[in-house]
Amino acid sequence: VYFVGPDMDSYRDAIQEVADRLNYTYLNFNYTDLPSASELTGVLENVIVIPPLTSVTRFPWKVAVHGLVVWIDPDGWKRRDVIERDKVRKKKFPKKKAIFGPEQPTDFSLHKP
């Protein structure tokens, strides 16, 4: 389980408690490159905290896709019902509009192959 977020220091005690309840080992992500961090892909039952300055780089995400990633958002998350989620989805992925005019341009040439 990988914990990621902009402010991990204030949640360290809570993450430690999660690790204790799951009976997992608590680890800090102290790797600086992908080959050394790839050692974590084969290790099971760990709660790993990725610091904010490390999580903005690309290589921790290549390792974190091999587990459950938990994003801690201090700003909060508004719970939405089905209608509100559908509105957000339609804004993110709008339907493609039909092209104005004919689909194929008119061919005015006299010579047809």
N, C-alpha and C. Protein backbone atom coordinates (compact mmCIF):
# COMPACT_ATOMS: atom_id res chain seq x y z
N VAL A 1 0.87 -1.17 0.00
CA VAL A 1 0.00 0.00 0.00
C VAL A 1 0.90 1.22 0.00
N TYR A 2 0.73 2.09 -0.99
CA TYR A 2 1.54 3.30 -1.11
C TYR A 2 0.69 4.52 -0.74
N PHE A 3 1.17 5.31 0.18
CA PHE A 3 0.50 6.54 0.58
C PHE A 3 1.22 7.72 -0.04
N VAL A 4 0.47 8.56 -0.75
CA VAL A 4 1.03 9.70 -1.47
C VAL A 4 0.18 10.92 -1.13
N GLY A 5 0.82 12.06 -1.04
CA GLY A 5 0.09 13.30 -0.80
C GLY A 5 1.01 14.47 -0.61
N PRO A 6 0.45 15.69 -0.62
CA PRO A 6 1.29 16.86 -0.48
C PRO A 6 1.82 17.11 0.92
N ASP A 7 1.16 16.57 1.96
CA ASP A 7 1.59 16.81 3.33
C ASP A 7 1.57 15.49 4.10
N MET A 8 2.65 14.74 3.99
CA MET A 8 2.66 13.42 4.61
C MET A 8 3.13 13.46 6.07
N ASP A 9 3.81 14.51 6.47
CA ASP A 9 4.32 14.57 7.85
C ASP A 9 3.21 14.65 8.88
N SER A 10 2.14 15.38 8.57
CA SER A 10 1.06 15.53 9.55
C SER A 10 0.20 14.26 9.64
N TYR A 11 0.30 13.35 8.68
CA TYR A 11 -0.50 12.12 8.70
C TYR A 11 0.32 10.89 9.07
N ARG A 12 1.57 11.07 9.45
CA ARG A 12 2.44 9.92 9.73
C ARG A 12 1.90 9.01 10.83
N ASP A 13 1.37 9.60 11.89
CA ASP A 13 0.85 8.77 12.99
C ASP A 13 -0.36 7.96 12.54
N ALA A 14 -1.23 8.58 11.75
CA ALA A 14 -2.42 7.87 11.26
C ALA A 14 -2.03 6.75 10.30
N ILE A 15 -1.03 6.99 9.46
CA ILE A 15 -0.57 5.96 8.52
C ILE A 15 0.09 4.82 9.29
N GLN A 16 0.83 5.17 10.34
CA GLN A 16 1.43 4.13 11.19
C GLN A 16 0.35 3.27 11.84
N GLU A 17 -0.74 3.89 12.25
CA GLU A 17 -1.84 3.15 12.85
C GLU A 17 -2.51 2.23 11.82
N VAL A 18 -2.64 2.70 10.57
CA VAL A 18 -3.19 1.86 9.50
C VAL A 18 -2.30 0.64 9.30
N ALA A 19 -0.99 0.86 9.28
CA ALA A 19 -0.05 -0.25 9.10
C ALA A 19 -0.17 -1.25 10.25
N ASP A 20 -0.33 -0.75 11.47
CA ASP A 20 -0.46 -1.64 12.63
C ASP A 20 -1.75 -2.46 12.55
N ARG A 21 -2.83 -1.82 12.13
CA ARG A 21 -4.11 -2.53 12.04
C ARG A 21 -4.12 -3.58 10.94
N LEU A 22 -3.41 -3.30 9.85
CA LEU A 22 -3.30 -4.27 8.77
C LEU A 22 -2.24 -5.33 9.05
N ASN A 23 -1.45 -5.12 10.09
CA ASN A 23 -0.31 -5.97 10.43
C ASN A 23 0.71 -5.96 9.30
N TYR A 24 0.93 -4.78 8.73
CA TYR A 24 1.92 -4.57 7.67
C TYR A 24 3.11 -3.82 8.24
N THR A 25 4.21 -3.87 7.52
CA THR A 25 5.42 -3.17 7.92
C THR A 25 5.37 -1.75 7.38
N TYR A 26 5.70 -0.79 8.22
CA TYR A 26 5.70 0.63 7.84
C TYR A 26 7.09 0.98 7.29
N LEU A 27 7.13 1.54 6.07
CA LEU A 27 8.40 1.92 5.45
C LEU A 27 8.31 3.33 4.88
N ASN A 28 9.43 4.02 4.91
CA ASN A 28 9.55 5.29 4.19
C ASN A 28 10.19 5.01 2.84
N PHE A 29 9.76 5.74 1.83
CA PHE A 29 10.30 5.58 0.48
C PHE A 29 11.57 6.42 0.40
N ASN A 30 12.72 5.80 0.61
CA ASN A 30 14.00 6.51 0.64
C ASN A 30 14.88 6.17 -0.55
N TYR A 31 14.28 5.97 -1.69
CA TYR A 31 15.04 5.59 -2.87
C TYR A 31 15.22 6.81 -3.78
N THR A 32 16.32 6.83 -4.50
CA THR A 32 16.61 7.97 -5.36
C THR A 32 16.58 7.63 -6.84
N ASP A 33 16.50 6.34 -7.17
CA ASP A 33 16.44 5.97 -8.58
C ASP A 33 15.59 4.72 -8.75
N LEU A 34 15.20 4.45 -9.99
CA LEU A 34 14.30 3.34 -10.27
C LEU A 34 14.90 1.96 -9.99
N PRO A 35 16.15 1.67 -10.34
CA PRO A 35 16.66 0.32 -10.06
C PRO A 35 16.65 -0.05 -8.57
N SER A 36 16.97 0.90 -7.72
CA SER A 36 16.95 0.58 -6.29
C SER A 36 15.51 0.51 -5.75
N ALA A 37 14.62 1.34 -6.30
CA ALA A 37 13.22 1.32 -5.85
C ALA A 37 12.46 0.11 -6.35
N SER A 38 12.93 -0.50 -7.43
CA SER A 38 12.23 -1.66 -7.98
C SER A 38 12.31 -2.88 -7.06
N GLU A 39 13.13 -2.83 -6.03
CA GLU A 39 13.18 -3.91 -5.05
C GLU A 39 11.85 -4.05 -4.32
N LEU A 40 11.06 -2.97 -4.25
CA LEU A 40 9.79 -3.01 -3.53
C LEU A 40 8.70 -3.77 -4.25
N THR A 41 8.86 -4.02 -5.55
CA THR A 41 7.79 -4.67 -6.30
C THR A 41 7.56 -6.11 -5.87
N GLY A 42 8.56 -6.77 -5.37
CA GLY A 42 8.40 -8.16 -4.95
C GLY A 42 8.11 -8.32 -3.48
N VAL A 43 8.13 -7.24 -2.71
CA VAL A 43 7.94 -7.32 -1.26
C VAL A 43 6.47 -7.11 -0.95
N LEU A 44 5.89 -7.99 -0.15
CA LEU A 44 4.48 -7.90 0.19
C LEU A 44 4.29 -7.39 1.61
N GLU A 45 3.08 -6.99 1.91
CA GLU A 45 2.63 -6.57 3.24
C GLU A 45 3.45 -5.42 3.79
N ASN A 46 3.54 -4.34 3.00
CA ASN A 46 4.21 -3.12 3.44
C ASN A 46 3.31 -1.93 3.23
N VAL A 47 3.39 -0.97 4.13
CA VAL A 47 2.78 0.33 3.96
C VAL A 47 3.93 1.29 3.72
N ILE A 48 3.95 1.90 2.53
CA ILE A 48 5.08 2.73 2.13
C ILE A 48 4.60 4.16 1.96
N VAL A 49 5.29 5.09 2.59
CA VAL A 49 4.96 6.51 2.51
C VAL A 49 5.94 7.17 1.54
N ILE A 50 5.39 7.75 0.46
CA ILE A 50 6.22 8.43 -0.52
C ILE A 50 6.20 9.92 -0.20
N PRO A 51 7.34 10.53 0.10
CA PRO A 51 7.37 11.95 0.44
C PRO A 51 6.95 12.82 -0.75
N PRO A 52 6.46 14.03 -0.48
CA PRO A 52 5.96 14.89 -1.57
C PRO A 52 6.99 15.25 -2.62
N LEU A 53 8.22 15.54 -2.21
CA LEU A 53 9.22 15.93 -3.20
C LEU A 53 9.64 14.75 -4.07
N THR A 54 9.53 13.56 -3.56
CA THR A 54 9.84 12.38 -4.35
C THR A 54 8.66 11.99 -5.23
N SER A 55 7.44 12.18 -4.75
CA SER A 55 6.27 11.74 -5.50
C SER A 55 6.02 12.57 -6.75
N VAL A 56 6.60 13.76 -6.85
CA VAL A 56 6.40 14.56 -8.06
C VAL A 56 7.31 14.10 -9.19
N THR A 57 8.30 13.29 -8.89
CA THR A 57 9.14 12.74 -9.94
C THR A 57 8.45 11.54 -10.56
N ARG A 58 8.99 11.05 -11.64
CA ARG A 58 8.30 10.02 -12.41
C ARG A 58 8.54 8.60 -11.90
N PHE A 59 9.73 8.31 -11.39
CA PHE A 59 10.06 6.91 -11.10
C PHE A 59 9.28 6.27 -9.96
N PRO A 60 8.85 6.99 -8.90
CA PRO A 60 8.08 6.27 -7.86
C PRO A 60 6.75 5.73 -8.36
N TRP A 61 6.16 6.37 -9.36
CA TRP A 61 4.87 5.91 -9.86
C TRP A 61 5.01 4.60 -10.63
N LYS A 62 6.17 4.38 -11.22
CA LYS A 62 6.40 3.10 -11.91
C LYS A 62 6.46 1.95 -10.92
N VAL A 63 6.88 2.24 -9.72
CA VAL A 63 6.92 1.22 -8.67
C VAL A 63 5.55 1.10 -8.00
N ALA A 64 4.89 2.22 -7.81
CA ALA A 64 3.62 2.24 -7.06
C ALA A 64 2.47 1.59 -7.82
N VAL A 65 2.58 1.43 -9.13
CA VAL A 65 1.49 0.79 -9.86
C VAL A 65 1.38 -0.70 -9.53
N HIS A 66 2.35 -1.24 -8.83
CA HIS A 66 2.31 -2.65 -8.45
C HIS A 66 1.59 -2.86 -7.12
N GLY A 67 0.98 -1.82 -6.60
CA GLY A 67 0.25 -1.94 -5.34
C GLY A 67 -0.92 -0.98 -5.30
N LEU A 68 -1.54 -0.89 -4.16
CA LEU A 68 -2.65 0.02 -3.95
C LEU A 68 -2.10 1.40 -3.59
N VAL A 69 -2.49 2.44 -4.34
CA VAL A 69 -2.02 3.79 -4.09
C VAL A 69 -3.14 4.56 -3.40
N VAL A 70 -2.84 5.12 -2.24
CA VAL A 70 -3.81 5.91 -1.48
C VAL A 70 -3.34 7.35 -1.50
N TRP A 71 -4.16 8.24 -2.08
CA TRP A 71 -3.83 9.66 -2.16
C TRP A 71 -4.48 10.35 -0.99
N ILE A 72 -3.69 11.02 -0.17
CA ILE A 72 -4.21 11.77 0.97
C ILE A 72 -4.34 13.22 0.55
N ASP A 73 -5.58 13.70 0.53
CA ASP A 73 -5.88 15.04 0.06
C ASP A 73 -6.33 15.89 1.24
N PRO A 74 -5.50 16.83 1.69
CA PRO A 74 -5.90 17.64 2.85
C PRO A 74 -7.03 18.62 2.54
N ASP A 75 -7.28 18.89 1.26
CA ASP A 75 -8.34 19.83 0.90
C ASP A 75 -9.72 19.21 1.02
N GLY A 76 -9.78 17.92 1.09
CA GLY A 76 -11.06 17.25 1.22
C GLY A 76 -11.61 16.84 -0.14
N TRP A 77 -12.65 16.05 -0.10
CA TRP A 77 -13.28 15.56 -1.31
C TRP A 77 -14.77 15.62 -1.11
N LYS A 78 -15.45 16.26 -2.02
CA LYS A 78 -16.88 16.40 -1.91
C LYS A 78 -17.55 15.15 -2.46
N ARG A 79 -18.44 14.57 -1.68
CA ARG A 79 -19.14 13.38 -2.12
C ARG A 79 -20.23 13.81 -3.11
N ARG A 80 -20.26 13.15 -4.26
CA ARG A 80 -21.22 13.51 -5.30
C ARG A 80 -22.15 12.34 -5.56
N ASP A 81 -23.39 12.68 -5.92
CA ASP A 81 -24.32 11.63 -6.29
C ASP A 81 -24.15 11.30 -7.78
N VAL A 82 -24.98 10.42 -8.29
CA VAL A 82 -24.83 9.92 -9.65
C VAL A 82 -24.98 11.04 -10.68
N ILE A 83 -25.91 11.93 -10.45
CA ILE A 83 -26.17 13.01 -11.42
C ILE A 83 -24.98 13.96 -11.49
N GLU A 84 -24.42 14.34 -10.34
CA GLU A 84 -23.26 15.25 -10.34
C GLU A 84 -22.04 14.59 -10.95
N ARG A 85 -21.82 13.29 -10.69
CA ARG A 85 -20.70 12.59 -11.30
C ARG A 85 -20.84 12.49 -12.81
N ASP A 86 -22.10 12.31 -13.27
CA ASP A 86 -22.34 12.25 -14.69
C ASP A 86 -22.07 13.60 -15.36
N LYS A 87 -22.40 14.69 -14.69
CA LYS A 87 -22.10 16.03 -15.22
C LYS A 87 -20.59 16.25 -15.33
N VAL A 88 -19.85 15.81 -14.32
CA VAL A 88 -18.39 15.95 -14.36
C VAL A 88 -17.81 15.10 -15.48
N ARG A 89 -18.34 13.89 -15.64
CA ARG A 89 -17.85 13.00 -16.70
C ARG A 89 -18.12 13.60 -18.08
N LYS A 90 -19.29 14.21 -18.26
CA LYS A 90 -19.61 14.82 -19.55
C LYS A 90 -18.73 16.03 -19.84
N LYS A 91 -18.31 16.73 -18.80
CA LYS A 91 -17.40 17.86 -19.01
C LYS A 91 -15.99 17.37 -19.35
N LYS A 92 -15.56 16.29 -18.68
CA LYS A 92 -14.22 15.78 -18.94
C LYS A 92 -14.13 15.08 -20.29
N PHE A 93 -15.18 14.36 -20.66
CA PHE A 93 -15.18 13.58 -21.90
C PHE A 93 -16.41 13.93 -22.73
N PRO A 94 -16.40 15.10 -23.39
CA PRO A 94 -17.58 15.49 -24.17
C PRO A 94 -17.76 14.62 -25.41
N LYS A 95 -19.01 14.57 -25.90
CA LYS A 95 -19.28 13.83 -27.12
C LYS A 95 -18.68 14.57 -28.30
N LYS A 96 -18.22 13.81 -29.28
CA LYS A 96 -17.68 14.45 -30.47
C LYS A 96 -18.84 14.99 -31.28
N LYS A 97 -18.68 16.24 -31.72
CA LYS A 97 -19.73 16.87 -32.50
C LYS A 97 -19.60 16.46 -33.96
N ALA A 98 -20.74 16.44 -34.65
CA ALA A 98 -20.74 16.11 -36.06
C ALA A 98 -20.03 17.21 -36.84
N ILE A 99 -19.33 16.80 -37.87
CA ILE A 99 -18.61 17.76 -38.70
C ILE A 99 -19.62 18.55 -39.52
N PHE A 100 -19.43 19.85 -39.57
CA PHE A 100 -20.34 20.69 -40.34
C PHE A 100 -20.00 20.55 -41.81
N GLY A 101 -20.99 20.27 -42.63
CA GLY A 101 -20.77 20.15 -44.07
C GLY A 101 -20.71 18.69 -44.48
N PRO A 102 -20.42 18.47 -45.76
CA PRO A 102 -20.38 17.08 -46.25
C PRO A 102 -19.18 16.34 -45.67
N GLU A 103 -19.34 15.02 -45.58
CA GLU A 103 -18.27 14.21 -45.02
C GLU A 103 -17.07 14.12 -45.95
N GLN A 104 -17.32 14.09 -47.26
CA GLN A 104 -16.23 14.03 -48.23
C GLN A 104 -16.35 15.22 -49.16
N PRO A 105 -15.23 15.84 -49.52
CA PRO A 105 -15.31 16.97 -50.43
C PRO A 105 -15.72 16.52 -51.83
N THR A 106 -16.38 17.42 -52.51
CA THR A 106 -16.83 17.12 -53.87
C THR A 106 -15.63 17.04 -54.80
N ASP A 107 -15.63 16.01 -55.66
CA ASP A 107 -14.54 15.81 -56.59
C ASP A 107 -14.94 16.40 -57.94
N PHE A 108 -14.29 17.48 -58.37
CA PHE A 108 -14.62 18.19 -59.60
C PHE A 108 -13.76 17.74 -60.78
N SER A 109 -12.90 16.78 -60.60
CA SER A 109 -12.02 16.39 -61.71
C SER A 109 -12.80 15.55 -62.74
N LEU A 110 -12.41 15.69 -63.99
CA LEU A 110 -13.06 14.96 -65.05
C LEU A 110 -12.44 13.60 -65.28
N HIS A 111 -11.22 13.45 -64.83
CA HIS A 111 -10.50 12.21 -65.04
C HIS A 111 -10.66 11.32 -63.81
N LYS A 112 -11.35 10.22 -64.00
CA LYS A 112 -11.57 9.26 -62.92
C LYS A 112 -10.66 8.05 -63.14
N PRO A 113 -9.95 7.60 -62.16
CA PRO A 113 -9.08 6.44 -62.36
C PRO A 113 -9.86 5.15 -62.44
